[in-house]
Amino acid sequence: MDTNVLIYILNGHRAVAGISHFSLAISVISEIELLGKKDITPFEVNAIRGMLNDCDIIKLTNNIKETAISLKQKYSVKIPDAIIAATAKNFDLPLITADMDLKKIEGVNILLLDLNKTDY
């Protein structure tokens, strides 16, 4: 799952209401992005950590790193996006995201989240 989807879950966006019923796997990069927010409040830290406790957090491995390098070179995506996509690819997991830019990555099952849709 991409970091943006986790943010929508934390904010209670109606388009992601049913997603939390599934087993969620995320890259350690998403954990860093969420908790590394400038001026994060203790309340936000607690909410994020509570959500992360329900996720499988996948660490960065050499295989993920090499795949991320390849994706970054080929698709000119941001480093966090390359690592998150590489994580999904290496574990053969679908990548749920609201980021249209990630649709261009071949070899990763991208599930584009429609923020206007509510019946997932």
PDB file of N, CA and C in Angstrom:
ATOM      1  N   MET A   1       0.831  -1.168   0.000  1.00  0.00           N
ATOM      2  CA  MET A   1       0.000   0.000   0.000  1.00  0.00           C
ATOM      3  C   MET A   1       0.887   1.246   0.000  1.00  0.00           C
ATOM      4  N   ASP A   2       0.514   2.212  -0.792  1.00  0.00           N
ATOM      5  CA  ASP A   2       1.259   3.461  -0.899  1.00  0.00           C
ATOM      6  C   ASP A   2       0.966   4.350   0.315  1.00  0.00           C
ATOM      7  N   THR A   3       1.879   5.222   0.625  1.00  0.00           N
ATOM      8  CA  THR A   3       1.737   6.109   1.783  1.00  0.00           C
ATOM      9  C   THR A   3       0.487   6.969   1.685  1.00  0.00           C
ATOM     10  N   ASN A   4       0.142   7.417   0.479  1.00  0.00           N
ATOM     11  CA  ASN A   4      -1.024   8.294   0.359  1.00  0.00           C
ATOM     12  C   ASN A   4      -2.306   7.593   0.801  1.00  0.00           C
ATOM     13  N   VAL A   5      -2.412   6.299   0.568  1.00  0.00           N
ATOM     14  CA  VAL A   5      -3.595   5.552   0.996  1.00  0.00           C
ATOM     15  C   VAL A   5      -3.643   5.476   2.520  1.00  0.00           C
ATOM     16  N   LEU A   6      -2.490   5.297   3.140  1.00  0.00           N
ATOM     17  CA  LEU A   6      -2.434   5.275   4.602  1.00  0.00           C
ATOM     18  C   LEU A   6      -2.884   6.615   5.181  1.00  0.00           C
ATOM     19  N   ILE A   7      -2.512   7.685   4.533  1.00  0.00           N
ATOM     20  CA  ILE A   7      -2.939   9.021   4.985  1.00  0.00           C
ATOM     21  C   ILE A   7      -4.450   9.157   4.864  1.00  0.00           C
ATOM     22  N   TYR A   8      -5.018   8.649   3.762  1.00  0.00           N
ATOM     23  CA  TYR A   8      -6.477   8.695   3.606  1.00  0.00           C
ATOM     24  C   TYR A   8      -7.171   7.860   4.679  1.00  0.00           C
ATOM     25  N   ILE A   9      -6.593   6.724   5.038  1.00  0.00           N
ATOM     26  CA  ILE A   9      -7.158   5.903   6.115  1.00  0.00           C
ATOM     27  C   ILE A   9      -7.130   6.677   7.429  1.00  0.00           C
ATOM     28  N   LEU A  10      -5.990   7.283   7.734  1.00  0.00           N
ATOM     29  CA  LEU A  10      -5.862   8.053   8.977  1.00  0.00           C
ATOM     30  C   LEU A  10      -6.846   9.213   9.038  1.00  0.00           C
ATOM     31  N   ASN A  11      -7.112   9.821   7.877  1.00  0.00           N
ATOM     32  CA  ASN A  11      -8.026  10.962   7.819  1.00  0.00           C
ATOM     33  C   ASN A  11      -9.491  10.551   7.711  1.00  0.00           C
ATOM     34  N   GLY A  12      -9.740   9.229   7.654  1.00  0.00           N
ATOM     35  CA  GLY A  12     -11.116   8.749   7.598  1.00  0.00           C
ATOM     36  C   GLY A  12     -11.806   8.996   6.270  1.00  0.00           C
ATOM     37  N   HIS A  13     -11.054   9.065   5.181  1.00  0.00           N
ATOM     38  CA  HIS A  13     -11.648   9.301   3.861  1.00  0.00           C
ATOM     39  C   HIS A  13     -12.589   8.154   3.517  1.00  0.00           C
ATOM     40  N   ARG A  14     -13.765   8.478   3.040  1.00  0.00           N
ATOM     41  CA  ARG A  14     -14.789   7.457   2.783  1.00  0.00           C
ATOM     42  C   ARG A  14     -14.390   6.457   1.699  1.00  0.00           C
ATOM     43  N   ALA A  15     -13.522   6.849   0.784  1.00  0.00           N
ATOM     44  CA  ALA A  15     -13.124   5.953  -0.307  1.00  0.00           C
ATOM     45  C   ALA A  15     -12.254   4.796   0.179  1.00  0.00           C
ATOM     46  N   VAL A  16     -11.678   4.906   1.374  1.00  0.00           N
ATOM     47  CA  VAL A  16     -10.808   3.842   1.893  1.00  0.00           C
ATOM     48  C   VAL A  16     -11.402   3.151   3.116  1.00  0.00           C
ATOM     49  N   ALA A  17     -12.650   3.408   3.392  1.00  0.00           N
ATOM     50  CA  ALA A  17     -13.278   2.885   4.606  1.00  0.00           C
ATOM     51  C   ALA A  17     -13.178   1.366   4.707  1.00  0.00           C
ATOM     52  N   GLY A  18     -13.331   0.634   3.625  1.00  0.00           N
ATOM     53  CA  GLY A  18     -13.315  -0.822   3.680  1.00  0.00           C
ATOM     54  C   GLY A  18     -11.940  -1.439   3.576  1.00  0.00           C
ATOM     55  N   ILE A  19     -10.945  -0.668   3.218  1.00  0.00           N
ATOM     56  CA  ILE A  19      -9.611  -1.212   2.981  1.00  0.00           C
ATOM     57  C   ILE A  19      -8.994  -1.771   4.252  1.00  0.00           C
ATOM     58  N   SER A  20      -9.251  -1.148   5.372  1.00  0.00           N
ATOM     59  CA  SER A  20      -8.602  -1.576   6.610  1.00  0.00           C
ATOM     60  C   SER A  20      -9.056  -2.966   7.074  1.00  0.00           C
ATOM     61  N   HIS A  21     -10.072  -3.531   6.433  1.00  0.00           N
ATOM     62  CA  HIS A  21     -10.522  -4.882   6.767  1.00  0.00           C
ATOM     63  C   HIS A  21      -9.617  -5.947   6.158  1.00  0.00           C
ATOM     64  N   PHE A  22      -8.746  -5.549   5.237  1.00  0.00           N
ATOM     65  CA  PHE A  22      -7.836  -6.469   4.575  1.00  0.00           C
ATOM     66  C   PHE A  22      -6.498  -6.499   5.313  1.00  0.00           C
ATOM     67  N   SER A  23      -5.723  -7.522   5.062  1.00  0.00           N
ATOM     68  CA  SER A  23      -4.364  -7.592   5.597  1.00  0.00           C
ATOM     69  C   SER A  23      -3.512  -6.587   4.818  1.00  0.00           C
ATOM     70  N   LEU A  24      -2.899  -5.656   5.504  1.00  0.00           N
ATOM     71  CA  LEU A  24      -2.166  -4.577   4.858  1.00  0.00           C
ATOM     72  C   LEU A  24      -0.664  -4.775   5.006  1.00  0.00           C
ATOM     73  N   ALA A  25       0.038  -4.645   3.887  1.00  0.00           N
ATOM     74  CA  ALA A  25       1.498  -4.695   3.887  1.00  0.00           C
ATOM     75  C   ALA A  25       2.007  -3.373   3.347  1.00  0.00           C
ATOM     76  N   ILE A  26       3.017  -2.836   4.005  1.00  0.00           N
ATOM     77  CA  ILE A  26       3.586  -1.558   3.576  1.00  0.00           C
ATOM     78  C   ILE A  26       5.104  -1.654   3.593  1.00  0.00           C
ATOM     79  N   SER A  27       5.714  -0.768   2.862  1.00  0.00           N
ATOM     80  CA  SER A  27       7.166  -0.633   2.879  1.00  0.00           C
ATOM     81  C   SER A  27       7.576   0.168   4.116  1.00  0.00           C
ATOM     82  N   VAL A  28       8.752  -0.126   4.620  1.00  0.00           N
ATOM     83  CA  VAL A  28       9.302   0.654   5.723  1.00  0.00           C
ATOM     84  C   VAL A  28       9.391   2.138   5.334  1.00  0.00           C
ATOM     85  N   ILE A  29       9.474   2.411   4.045  1.00  0.00           N
ATOM     86  CA  ILE A  29       9.514   3.796   3.558  1.00  0.00           C
ATOM     87  C   ILE A  29       8.244   4.538   3.946  1.00  0.00           C
ATOM     88  N   SER A  30       7.103   3.871   3.856  1.00  0.00           N
ATOM     89  CA  SER A  30       5.847   4.510   4.253  1.00  0.00           C
ATOM     90  C   SER A  30       5.836   4.838   5.742  1.00  0.00           C
ATOM     91  N   GLU A  31       6.389   3.940   6.538  1.00  0.00           N
ATOM     92  CA  GLU A  31       6.491   4.200   7.975  1.00  0.00           C
ATOM     93  C   GLU A  31       7.334   5.451   8.220  1.00  0.00           C
ATOM     94  N   ILE A  32       8.443   5.554   7.516  1.00  0.00           N
ATOM     95  CA  ILE A  32       9.327   6.715   7.652  1.00  0.00           C
ATOM     96  C   ILE A  32       8.617   7.979   7.184  1.00  0.00           C
ATOM     97  N   GLU A  33       7.923   7.901   6.052  1.00  0.00           N
ATOM     98  CA  GLU A  33       7.217   9.082   5.540  1.00  0.00           C
ATOM     99  C   GLU A  33       6.145   9.555   6.520  1.00  0.00           C
ATOM    100  N   LEU A  34       5.395   8.628   7.085  1.00  0.00           N
ATOM    101  CA  LEU A  34       4.324   9.008   8.005  1.00  0.00           C
ATOM    102  C   LEU A  34       4.856   9.593   9.303  1.00  0.00           C
ATOM    103  N   LEU A  35       5.817   8.916   9.914  1.00  0.00           N
ATOM    104  CA  LEU A  35       6.322   9.363  11.210  1.00  0.00           C
ATOM    105  C   LEU A  35       7.365  10.474  11.095  1.00  0.00           C
ATOM    106  N   GLY A  36       7.923  10.669   9.896  1.00  0.00           N
ATOM    107  CA  GLY A  36       8.941  11.695   9.695  1.00  0.00           C
ATOM    108  C   GLY A  36       8.387  13.058   9.336  1.00  0.00           C
ATOM    109  N   LYS A  37       7.067  13.197   9.425  1.00  0.00           N
ATOM    110  CA  LYS A  37       6.420  14.478   9.101  1.00  0.00           C
ATOM    111  C   LYS A  37       6.903  15.578  10.046  1.00  0.00           C
ATOM    112  N   LYS A  38       7.249  16.703   9.469  1.00  0.00           N
ATOM    113  CA  LYS A  38       7.695  17.853  10.271  1.00  0.00           C
ATOM    114  C   LYS A  38       6.553  18.319  11.176  1.00  0.00           C
ATOM    115  N   ASP A  39       6.895  18.653  12.396  1.00  0.00           N
ATOM    116  CA  ASP A  39       5.945  19.161  13.386  1.00  0.00           C
ATOM    117  C   ASP A  39       4.815  18.185  13.704  1.00  0.00           C
ATOM    118  N   ILE A  40       5.101  16.893  13.656  1.00  0.00           N
ATOM    119  CA  ILE A  40       4.097  15.884  13.978  1.00  0.00           C
ATOM    120  C   ILE A  40       3.735  15.991  15.457  1.00  0.00           C
ATOM    121  N   THR A  41       2.449  15.855  15.749  1.00  0.00           N
ATOM    122  CA  THR A  41       1.989  15.959  17.135  1.00  0.00           C
ATOM    123  C   THR A  41       2.005  14.584  17.799  1.00  0.00           C
ATOM    124  N   PRO A  42       2.047  14.558  19.124  1.00  0.00           N
ATOM    125  CA  PRO A  42       1.965  13.273  19.825  1.00  0.00           C
ATOM    126  C   PRO A  42       0.689  12.502  19.472  1.00  0.00           C
ATOM    127  N   PHE A  43      -0.408  13.202  19.285  1.00  0.00           N
ATOM    128  CA  PHE A  43      -1.664  12.558  18.888  1.00  0.00           C
ATOM    129  C   PHE A  43      -1.496  11.866  17.534  1.00  0.00           C
ATOM    130  N   GLU A  44      -0.866  12.555  16.577  1.00  0.00           N
ATOM    131  CA  GLU A  44      -0.641  11.967  15.255  1.00  0.00           C
ATOM    132  C   GLU A  44       0.282  10.748  15.343  1.00  0.00           C
ATOM    133  N   VAL A  45       1.331  10.859  16.159  1.00  0.00           N
ATOM    134  CA  VAL A  45       2.248   9.726  16.333  1.00  0.00           C
ATOM    135  C   VAL A  45       1.487   8.517  16.855  1.00  0.00           C
ATOM    136  N   ASN A  46       0.649   8.716  17.860  1.00  0.00           N
ATOM    137  CA  ASN A  46      -0.126   7.606  18.427  1.00  0.00           C
ATOM    138  C   ASN A  46      -1.082   7.008  17.410  1.00  0.00           C
ATOM    139  N   ALA A  47      -1.750   7.853  16.637  1.00  0.00           N
ATOM    140  CA  ALA A  47      -2.690   7.369  15.620  1.00  0.00           C
ATOM    141  C   ALA A  47      -1.949   6.572  14.544  1.00  0.00           C
ATOM    142  N   ILE A  48      -0.815   7.084  14.112  1.00  0.00           N
ATOM    143  CA  ILE A  48      -0.025   6.397  13.080  1.00  0.00           C
ATOM    144  C   ILE A  48       0.497   5.070  13.605  1.00  0.00           C
ATOM    145  N   ARG A  49       1.077   5.087  14.787  1.00  0.00           N
ATOM    146  CA  ARG A  49       1.619   3.841  15.368  1.00  0.00           C
ATOM    147  C   ARG A  49       0.509   2.808  15.576  1.00  0.00           C
ATOM    148  N   GLY A  50      -0.670   3.268  15.964  1.00  0.00           N
ATOM    149  CA  GLY A  50      -1.803   2.359  16.120  1.00  0.00           C
ATOM    150  C   GLY A  50      -2.172   1.693  14.803  1.00  0.00           C
ATOM    151  N   MET A  51      -2.200   2.470  13.738  1.00  0.00           N
ATOM    152  CA  MET A  51      -2.498   1.913  12.424  1.00  0.00           C
ATOM    153  C   MET A  51      -1.378   0.981  11.968  1.00  0.00           C
ATOM    154  N   LEU A  52      -0.132   1.388  12.177  1.00  0.00           N
ATOM    155  CA  LEU A  52       1.008   0.583  11.736  1.00  0.00           C
ATOM    156  C   LEU A  52       1.079  -0.762  12.458  1.00  0.00           C
ATOM    157  N   ASN A  53       0.550  -0.819  13.679  1.00  0.00           N
ATOM    158  CA  ASN A  53       0.522  -2.087  14.412  1.00  0.00           C
ATOM    159  C   ASN A  53      -0.304  -3.146  13.691  1.00  0.00           C
ATOM    160  N   ASP A  54      -1.235  -2.700  12.845  1.00  0.00           N
ATOM    161  CA  ASP A  54      -2.087  -3.620  12.091  1.00  0.00           C
ATOM    162  C   ASP A  54      -1.533  -3.928  10.702  1.00  0.00           C
ATOM    163  N   CYS A  55      -0.342  -3.432  10.393  1.00  0.00           N
ATOM    164  CA  CYS A  55       0.259  -3.622   9.075  1.00  0.00           C
ATOM    165  C   CYS A  55       1.487  -4.526   9.159  1.00  0.00           C
ATOM    166  N   ASP A  56       1.728  -5.250   8.075  1.00  0.00           N
ATOM    167  CA  ASP A  56       3.007  -5.941   7.924  1.00  0.00           C
ATOM    168  C   ASP A  56       3.967  -4.937   7.304  1.00  0.00           C
ATOM    169  N   ILE A  57       5.026  -4.608   8.015  1.00  0.00           N
ATOM    170  CA  ILE A  57       5.983  -3.623   7.515  1.00  0.00           C
ATOM    171  C   ILE A  57       7.164  -4.376   6.917  1.00  0.00           C
ATOM    172  N   ILE A  58       7.370  -4.164   5.622  1.00  0.00           N
ATOM    173  CA  ILE A  58       8.409  -4.877   4.887  1.00  0.00           C
ATOM    174  C   ILE A  58       9.680  -4.038   4.869  1.00  0.00           C
ATOM    175  N   LYS A  59      10.740  -4.633   5.372  1.00  0.00           N
ATOM    176  CA  LYS A  59      12.032  -3.938   5.438  1.00  0.00           C
ATOM    177  C   LYS A  59      12.680  -3.852   4.062  1.00  0.00           C
ATOM    178  N   LEU A  60      13.608  -2.928   3.937  1.00  0.00           N
ATOM    179  CA  LEU A  60      14.359  -2.750   2.696  1.00  0.00           C
ATOM    180  C   LEU A  60      15.420  -3.842   2.595  1.00  0.00           C
ATOM    181  N   THR A  61      15.362  -4.603   1.513  1.00  0.00           N
ATOM    182  CA  THR A  61      16.341  -5.663   1.274  1.00  0.00           C
ATOM    183  C   THR A  61      17.192  -5.290   0.068  1.00  0.00           C
ATOM    184  N   ASN A  62      18.244  -6.045  -0.177  1.00  0.00           N
ATOM    185  CA  ASN A  62      19.064  -5.794  -1.365  1.00  0.00           C
ATOM    186  C   ASN A  62      18.265  -5.977  -2.645  1.00  0.00           C
ATOM    187  N   ASN A  63      17.397  -6.986  -2.694  1.00  0.00           N
ATOM    188  CA  ASN A  63      16.571  -7.197  -3.888  1.00  0.00           C
ATOM    189  C   ASN A  63      15.639  -6.024  -4.140  1.00  0.00           C
ATOM    190  N   ILE A  64      15.003  -5.538  -3.077  1.00  0.00           N
ATOM    191  CA  ILE A  64      14.122  -4.370  -3.217  1.00  0.00           C
ATOM    192  C   ILE A  64      14.937  -3.164  -3.672  1.00  0.00           C
ATOM    193  N   LYS A  65      16.104  -2.980  -3.073  1.00  0.00           N
ATOM    194  CA  LYS A  65      16.965  -1.846  -3.439  1.00  0.00           C
ATOM    195  C   LYS A  65      17.323  -1.896  -4.921  1.00  0.00           C
ATOM    196  N   GLU A  66      17.751  -3.046  -5.407  1.00  0.00           N
ATOM    197  CA  GLU A  66      18.140  -3.173  -6.818  1.00  0.00           C
ATOM    198  C   GLU A  66      16.949  -2.959  -7.750  1.00  0.00           C
ATOM    199  N   THR A  67      15.790  -3.474  -7.370  1.00  0.00           N
ATOM    200  CA  THR A  67      14.583  -3.257  -8.174  1.00  0.00           C
ATOM    201  C   THR A  67      14.211  -1.781  -8.173  1.00  0.00           C
ATOM    202  N   ALA A  68      14.322  -1.129  -7.027  1.00  0.00           N
ATOM    203  CA  ALA A  68      14.004   0.304  -6.929  1.00  0.00           C
ATOM    204  C   ALA A  68      14.936   1.132  -7.824  1.00  0.00           C
ATOM    205  N   ILE A  69      16.199   0.773  -7.847  1.00  0.00           N
ATOM    206  CA  ILE A  69      17.155   1.485  -8.715  1.00  0.00           C
ATOM    207  C   ILE A  69      16.723   1.349 -10.165  1.00  0.00           C
ATOM    208  N   SER A  70      16.369   0.145 -10.552  1.00  0.00           N
ATOM    209  CA  SER A  70      15.931  -0.108 -11.928  1.00  0.00           C
ATOM    210  C   SER A  70      14.658   0.675 -12.266  1.00  0.00           C
ATOM    211  N   LEU A  71      13.695   0.684 -11.350  1.00  0.00           N
ATOM    212  CA  LEU A  71      12.443   1.419 -11.589  1.00  0.00           C
ATOM    213  C   LEU A  71      12.692   2.919 -11.664  1.00  0.00           C
ATOM    214  N   LYS A  72      13.557   3.415 -10.802  1.00  0.00           N
ATOM    215  CA  LYS A  72      13.877   4.856 -10.817  1.00  0.00           C
ATOM    216  C   LYS A  72      14.514   5.246 -12.132  1.00  0.00           C
ATOM    217  N   GLN A  73      15.443   4.417 -12.621  1.00  0.00           N
ATOM    218  CA  GLN A  73      16.102   4.702 -13.892  1.00  0.00           C
ATOM    219  C   GLN A  73      15.115   4.669 -15.056  1.00  0.00           C
ATOM    220  N   LYS A  74      14.269   3.663 -15.072  1.00  0.00           N
ATOM    221  CA  LYS A  74      13.370   3.458 -16.212  1.00  0.00           C
ATOM    222  C   LYS A  74      12.191   4.422 -16.233  1.00  0.00           C
ATOM    223  N   TYR A  75      11.633   4.748 -15.056  1.00  0.00           N
ATOM    224  CA  TYR A  75      10.388   5.522 -15.012  1.00  0.00           C
ATOM    225  C   TYR A  75      10.530   6.915 -14.412  1.00  0.00           C
ATOM    226  N   SER A  76      11.711   7.268 -13.961  1.00  0.00           N
ATOM    227  CA  SER A  76      11.952   8.598 -13.369  1.00  0.00           C
ATOM    228  C   SER A  76      10.956   8.942 -12.263  1.00  0.00           C
ATOM    229  N   VAL A  77      10.704   7.979 -11.389  1.00  0.00           N
ATOM    230  CA  VAL A  77       9.820   8.231 -10.255  1.00  0.00           C
ATOM    231  C   VAL A  77      10.658   8.673  -9.057  1.00  0.00           C
ATOM    232  N   LYS A  78       9.989   9.242  -8.066  1.00  0.00           N
ATOM    233  CA  LYS A  78      10.671   9.657  -6.846  1.00  0.00           C
ATOM    234  C   LYS A  78      11.210   8.425  -6.120  1.00  0.00           C
ATOM    235  N   ILE A  79      12.267   8.618  -5.352  1.00  0.00           N
ATOM    236  CA  ILE A  79      12.896   7.503  -4.643  1.00  0.00           C
ATOM    237  C   ILE A  79      11.906   6.757  -3.741  1.00  0.00           C
ATOM    238  N   PRO A  80      11.112   7.444  -2.912  1.00  0.00           N
ATOM    239  CA  PRO A  80      10.164   6.679  -2.082  1.00  0.00           C
ATOM    240  C   PRO A  80       9.188   5.856  -2.930  1.00  0.00           C
ATOM    241  N   ASP A  81       8.701   6.436  -4.026  1.00  0.00           N
ATOM    242  CA  ASP A  81       7.781   5.707  -4.901  1.00  0.00           C
ATOM    243  C   ASP A  81       8.459   4.504  -5.538  1.00  0.00           C
ATOM    244  N   ALA A  82       9.720   4.658  -5.927  1.00  0.00           N
ATOM    245  CA  ALA A  82      10.461   3.539  -6.516  1.00  0.00           C
ATOM    246  C   ALA A  82      10.620   2.412  -5.504  1.00  0.00           C
ATOM    247  N   ILE A  83      10.911   2.752  -4.261  1.00  0.00           N
ATOM    248  CA  ILE A  83      11.092   1.728  -3.227  1.00  0.00           C
ATOM    249  C   ILE A  83       9.766   1.045  -2.899  1.00  0.00           C
ATOM    250  N   ILE A  84       8.697   1.815  -2.791  1.00  0.00           N
ATOM    251  CA  ILE A  84       7.384   1.247  -2.495  1.00  0.00           C
ATOM    252  C   ILE A  84       6.932   0.331  -3.631  1.00  0.00           C
ATOM    253  N   ALA A  85       7.105   0.773  -4.877  1.00  0.00           N
ATOM    254  CA  ALA A  85       6.739  -0.062  -6.030  1.00  0.00           C
ATOM    255  C   ALA A  85       7.622  -1.309  -6.098  1.00  0.00           C
ATOM    256  N   ALA A  86       8.904  -1.159  -5.811  1.00  0.00           N
ATOM    257  CA  ALA A  86       9.826  -2.296  -5.823  1.00  0.00           C
ATOM    258  C   ALA A  86       9.454  -3.311  -4.739  1.00  0.00           C
ATOM    259  N   THR A  87       9.002  -2.827  -3.608  1.00  0.00           N
ATOM    260  CA  THR A  87       8.568  -3.721  -2.535  1.00  0.00           C
ATOM    261  C   THR A  87       7.380  -4.555  -3.003  1.00  0.00           C
ATOM    262  N   ALA A  88       6.397  -3.892  -3.608  1.00  0.00           N
ATOM    263  CA  ALA A  88       5.232  -4.616  -4.130  1.00  0.00           C
ATOM    264  C   ALA A  88       5.657  -5.631  -5.186  1.00  0.00           C
ATOM    265  N   LYS A  89       6.551  -5.219  -6.064  1.00  0.00           N
ATOM    266  CA  LYS A  89       7.003  -6.102  -7.140  1.00  0.00           C
ATOM    267  C   LYS A  89       7.747  -7.316  -6.581  1.00  0.00           C
ATOM    268  N   ASN A  90       8.645  -7.109  -5.650  1.00  0.00           N
ATOM    269  CA  ASN A  90       9.445  -8.203  -5.100  1.00  0.00           C
ATOM    270  C   ASN A  90       8.610  -9.209  -4.305  1.00  0.00           C
ATOM    271  N   PHE A  91       7.534  -8.755  -3.726  1.00  0.00           N
ATOM    272  CA  PHE A  91       6.672  -9.650  -2.958  1.00  0.00           C
ATOM    273  C   PHE A  91       5.426 -10.063  -3.735  1.00  0.00           C
ATOM    274  N   ASP A  92       5.356  -9.652  -5.009  1.00  0.00           N
ATOM    275  CA  ASP A  92       4.227  -9.964  -5.882  1.00  0.00           C
ATOM    276  C   ASP A  92       2.902  -9.577  -5.230  1.00  0.00           C
ATOM    277  N   LEU A  93       2.882  -8.361  -4.691  1.00  0.00           N
ATOM    278  CA  LEU A  93       1.694  -7.822  -4.047  1.00  0.00           C
ATOM    279  C   LEU A  93       1.113  -6.699  -4.904  1.00  0.00           C
ATOM    280  N   PRO A  94      -0.208  -6.541  -4.900  1.00  0.00           N
ATOM    281  CA  PRO A  94      -0.780  -5.377  -5.581  1.00  0.00           C
ATOM    282  C   PRO A  94      -0.401  -4.112  -4.809  1.00  0.00           C
ATOM    283  N   LEU A  95      -0.231  -3.020  -5.531  1.00  0.00           N
ATOM    284  CA  LEU A  95       0.091  -1.740  -4.905  1.00  0.00           C
ATOM    285  C   LEU A  95      -1.123  -0.833  -5.014  1.00  0.00           C
ATOM    286  N   ILE A  96      -1.755  -0.578  -3.879  1.00  0.00           N
ATOM    287  CA  ILE A  96      -2.905   0.316  -3.840  1.00  0.00           C
ATOM    288  C   ILE A  96      -2.368   1.724  -3.670  1.00  0.00           C
ATOM    289  N   THR A  97      -2.782   2.622  -4.573  1.00  0.00           N
ATOM    290  CA  THR A  97      -2.289   3.994  -4.553  1.00  0.00           C
ATOM    291  C   THR A  97      -3.317   4.940  -5.153  1.00  0.00           C
ATOM    292  N   ALA A  98      -3.198   6.201  -4.825  1.00  0.00           N
ATOM    293  CA  ALA A  98      -3.985   7.243  -5.468  1.00  0.00           C
ATOM    294  C   ALA A  98      -3.097   8.060  -6.406  1.00  0.00           C
ATOM    295  N   ASP A  99      -1.854   7.644  -6.565  1.00  0.00           N
ATOM    296  CA  ASP A  99      -0.862   8.359  -7.370  1.00  0.00           C
ATOM    297  C   ASP A  99      -0.902   7.873  -8.822  1.00  0.00           C
ATOM    298  N   MET A 100      -1.492   8.666  -9.689  1.00  0.00           N
ATOM    299  CA  MET A 100      -1.611   8.321 -11.117  1.00  0.00           C
ATOM    300  C   MET A 100      -0.252   8.081 -11.757  1.00  0.00           C
ATOM    301  N   ASP A 101       0.780   8.729 -11.261  1.00  0.00           N
ATOM    302  CA  ASP A 101       2.117   8.618 -11.838  1.00  0.00           C
ATOM    303  C   ASP A 101       2.650   7.183 -11.756  1.00  0.00           C
ATOM    304  N   LEU A 102       2.186   6.423 -10.782  1.00  0.00           N
ATOM    305  CA  LEU A 102       2.680   5.057 -10.609  1.00  0.00           C
ATOM    306  C   LEU A 102       2.075   4.086 -11.616  1.00  0.00           C
ATOM    307  N   LYS A 103       0.996   4.465 -12.283  1.00  0.00           N
ATOM    308  CA  LYS A 103       0.365   3.592 -13.281  1.00  0.00           C
ATOM    309  C   LYS A 103       1.314   3.253 -14.419  1.00  0.00           C
ATOM    310  N   LYS A 104       2.301   4.093 -14.663  1.00  0.00           N
ATOM    311  CA  LYS A 104       3.224   3.870 -15.779  1.00  0.00           C
ATOM    312  C   LYS A 104       4.226   2.751 -15.509  1.00  0.00           C
ATOM    313  N   ILE A 105       4.325   2.294 -14.271  1.00  0.00           N
ATOM    314  CA  ILE A 105       5.309   1.271 -13.920  1.00  0.00           C
ATOM    315  C   ILE A 105       4.795  -0.100 -14.346  1.00  0.00           C
ATOM    316  N   GLU A 106       5.518  -0.712 -15.240  1.00  0.00           N
ATOM    317  CA  GLU A 106       5.146  -2.045 -15.720  1.00  0.00           C
ATOM    318  C   GLU A 106       5.678  -3.114 -14.760  1.00  0.00           C
ATOM    319  N   GLY A 107       4.969  -4.228 -14.687  1.00  0.00           N
ATOM    320  CA  GLY A 107       5.414  -5.336 -13.853  1.00  0.00           C
ATOM    321  C   GLY A 107       4.973  -5.241 -12.410  1.00  0.00           C
ATOM    322  N   VAL A 108       4.213  -4.199 -12.086  1.00  0.00           N
ATOM    323  CA  VAL A 108       3.649  -4.042 -10.741  1.00  0.00           C
ATOM    324  C   VAL A 108       2.138  -3.930 -10.914  1.00  0.00           C
ATOM    325  N   ASN A 109       1.410  -4.725 -10.146  1.00  0.00           N
ATOM    326  CA  ASN A 109      -0.045  -4.691 -10.204  1.00  0.00           C
ATOM    327  C   ASN A 109      -0.528  -3.466  -9.438  1.00  0.00           C
ATOM    328  N   ILE A 110      -0.750  -2.372 -10.162  1.00  0.00           N
ATOM    329  CA  ILE A 110      -1.176  -1.111  -9.551  1.00  0.00           C
ATOM    330  C   ILE A 110      -2.696  -1.074  -9.474  1.00  0.00           C
ATOM    331  N   LEU A 111      -3.216  -0.901  -8.273  1.00  0.00           N
ATOM    332  CA  LEU A 111      -4.645  -0.718  -8.068  1.00  0.00           C
ATOM    333  C   LEU A 111      -4.857   0.749  -7.739  1.00  0.00           C
ATOM    334  N   LEU A 112      -5.337   1.485  -8.734  1.00  0.00           N
ATOM    335  CA  LEU A 112      -5.503   2.930  -8.579  1.00  0.00           C
ATOM    336  C   LEU A 112      -6.773   3.225  -7.796  1.00  0.00           C
ATOM    337  N   LEU A 113      -6.618   3.904  -6.707  1.00  0.00           N
ATOM    338  CA  LEU A 113      -7.726   4.252  -5.831  1.00  0.00           C
ATOM    339  C   LEU A 113      -8.478   5.439  -6.409  1.00  0.00           C
ATOM    340  N   ASP A 114      -9.781   5.273  -6.567  1.00  0.00           N
ATOM    341  CA  ASP A 114     -10.642   6.359  -7.033  1.00  0.00           C
ATOM    342  C   ASP A 114     -11.213   7.032  -5.785  1.00  0.00           C
ATOM    343  N   LEU A 115     -10.747   8.227  -5.491  1.00  0.00           N
ATOM    344  CA  LEU A 115     -11.141   8.913  -4.269  1.00  0.00           C
ATOM    345  C   LEU A 115     -12.610   9.350  -4.273  1.00  0.00           C
ATOM    346  N   ASN A 116     -13.253   9.259  -5.427  1.00  0.00           N
ATOM    347  CA  ASN A 116     -14.673   9.612  -5.514  1.00  0.00           C
ATOM    348  C   ASN A 116     -15.567   8.394  -5.325  1.00  0.00           C
ATOM    349  N   LYS A 117     -14.970   7.203  -5.338  1.00  0.00           N
ATOM    350  CA  LYS A 117     -15.729   5.959  -5.220  1.00  0.00           C
ATOM    351  C   LYS A 117     -15.798   5.553  -3.749  1.00  0.00           C
ATOM    352  N   THR A 118     -16.932   5.000  -3.344  1.00  0.00           N
ATOM    353  CA  THR A 118     -17.088   4.646  -1.942  1.00  0.00           C
ATOM    354  C   THR A 118     -17.463   3.178  -1.731  1.00  0.00           C
ATOM    355  N   ASP A 119     -17.544   2.375  -2.773  1.00  0.00           N
ATOM    356  CA  ASP A 119     -18.014   0.995  -2.602  1.00  0.00           C
ATOM    357  C   ASP A 119     -16.918  -0.026  -2.878  1.00  0.00           C
ATOM    358  N   TYR A 120     -15.846   0.023  -2.094  1.00  0.00           N
ATOM    359  CA  TYR A 120     -14.734  -0.919  -2.257  1.00  0.00           C
ATOM    360  C   TYR A 120     -15.006  -2.202  -1.512  1.00  0.00           C
TER     361      TYR A 120
END
